[in-house]
Protein backbone atom coordinates (compact mmCIF):
# COMPACT_ATOMS: atom_id res chain seq x y z
CA UNK A 1 47.87 127.65 -25.82
CA UNK A 2 44.35 128.89 -26.69
CA UNK A 3 41.73 126.30 -26.07
CA UNK A 4 40.39 126.50 -29.40
CA UNK A 5 43.62 125.04 -30.66
CA UNK A 6 43.31 121.98 -29.13
CA UNK A 7 41.14 119.16 -30.11
CA UNK A 8 38.57 118.12 -27.46
CA UNK A 9 39.85 114.69 -26.68
CA UNK A 10 43.45 115.95 -26.26
CA UNK A 11 42.28 118.81 -24.10
CA UNK A 12 40.12 116.48 -21.97
CA UNK A 13 43.22 114.39 -21.64
CA UNK A 14 45.03 117.43 -20.41
CA UNK A 15 42.58 118.42 -17.89
CA UNK A 16 42.58 114.76 -16.45
CA UNK A 17 46.18 114.94 -16.31
CA UNK A 18 46.03 118.15 -13.63
CA UNK A 19 45.55 115.46 -10.95
CA UNK A 20 48.73 115.70 -8.80
CA UNK A 21 49.44 111.81 -8.80
CA UNK A 22 48.59 111.10 -12.05
CA UNK A 23 50.74 113.95 -13.56
CA UNK A 24 53.73 112.67 -11.22
CA UNK A 25 53.14 109.27 -12.25
CA UNK A 26 53.08 109.65 -16.04
CA UNK A 27 56.32 111.99 -15.68
CA UNK A 28 57.93 109.30 -14.02
CA UNK A 29 57.05 106.53 -16.52
CA UNK A 30 58.29 109.11 -19.29
CA UNK A 31 62.03 108.10 -17.81
CA UNK A 32 61.36 104.21 -18.21
CA UNK A 33 59.46 101.21 -17.21
CA UNK A 34 58.66 100.96 -13.45
CA UNK A 35 57.03 99.13 -10.73
CA UNK A 36 54.19 100.91 -8.66
CA UNK A 37 56.63 100.84 -5.66
CA UNK A 38 59.25 102.04 -7.93
CA UNK A 39 57.10 104.99 -9.14
CA UNK A 40 56.12 105.49 -5.42
CA UNK A 41 59.73 105.91 -4.53
CA UNK A 42 60.59 108.20 -7.26
CA UNK A 43 57.58 110.55 -6.56
CA UNK A 44 57.15 110.36 -2.93
CA UNK A 45 53.33 109.57 -3.10
CA UNK A 46 51.57 106.74 -1.22
CA UNK A 47 51.63 103.32 -2.95
CA UNK A 48 48.15 103.27 -2.86
CA UNK A 49 47.51 106.47 -4.53
CA UNK A 50 49.99 105.43 -7.42
CA UNK A 51 48.12 102.23 -7.95
CA UNK A 52 44.93 103.97 -8.16
CA UNK A 53 46.46 106.66 -10.71
CA UNK A 54 48.02 103.48 -12.65
CA UNK A 55 44.49 102.24 -13.09
CA UNK A 56 42.96 105.81 -14.22
CA UNK A 57 45.96 106.10 -16.65
CA UNK A 58 45.29 102.51 -18.16
CA UNK A 59 41.72 103.17 -18.53
CA UNK A 60 42.67 106.03 -20.61
CA UNK A 61 45.32 104.22 -22.69
CA UNK A 62 48.27 106.25 -21.35
CA UNK A 63 50.00 103.49 -19.66
CA UNK A 64 50.13 99.73 -20.13
CA UNK A 65 51.22 96.87 -17.83
CA UNK A 66 53.99 94.75 -19.43
CA UNK A 67 53.62 92.02 -17.03
CA UNK A 68 49.86 91.65 -16.49
CA UNK A 69 50.40 87.76 -15.69
CA UNK A 70 52.20 89.15 -12.30
CA UNK A 71 50.31 89.11 -9.27
CA UNK A 72 52.77 91.38 -7.89
CA UNK A 73 55.58 94.01 -9.10
CA UNK A 74 53.86 94.26 -12.15
CA UNK A 75 55.88 96.61 -14.77
CA UNK A 76 54.31 99.74 -16.28
CA UNK A 77 55.34 101.92 -19.10
CA UNK A 78 53.87 104.67 -20.75
CA UNK A 79 52.26 104.34 -24.29
CA UNK A 80 52.70 106.34 -27.39
CA UNK A 81 49.47 108.14 -26.54
CA UNK A 82 50.87 108.68 -23.05
CA UNK A 83 54.16 110.16 -24.54
CA UNK A 84 52.32 112.79 -26.57
CA UNK A 85 50.00 113.75 -23.66
CA UNK A 86 53.48 114.25 -21.77
CA UNK A 87 54.66 116.35 -24.58
CA UNK A 88 51.86 118.87 -24.42
CA UNK A 89 51.54 118.70 -20.54
CA UNK A 90 55.41 120.04 -20.80
CA UNK A 91 54.19 122.78 -23.24
CA UNK A 92 51.62 124.32 -20.66
């Protein structure tokens, strides 16, 4: 897909998503809501890396915590914007 056909914000997000752990985290959440440890198990990544990726993805509005009052075993899900980015990633 040529760069000029993608709006800057979407292109910026796709560039951001090239990080291995961020991408794996988003793809895993595309299959359903999970805890950070569930994502780490599914991706084979270290829990600390997944936690950082979740924080970064949350900051971009691509994932959200559905249990923010919990101090442990929080559950995360992909947002509608995250689904759109995931669709675009699969096109690349």
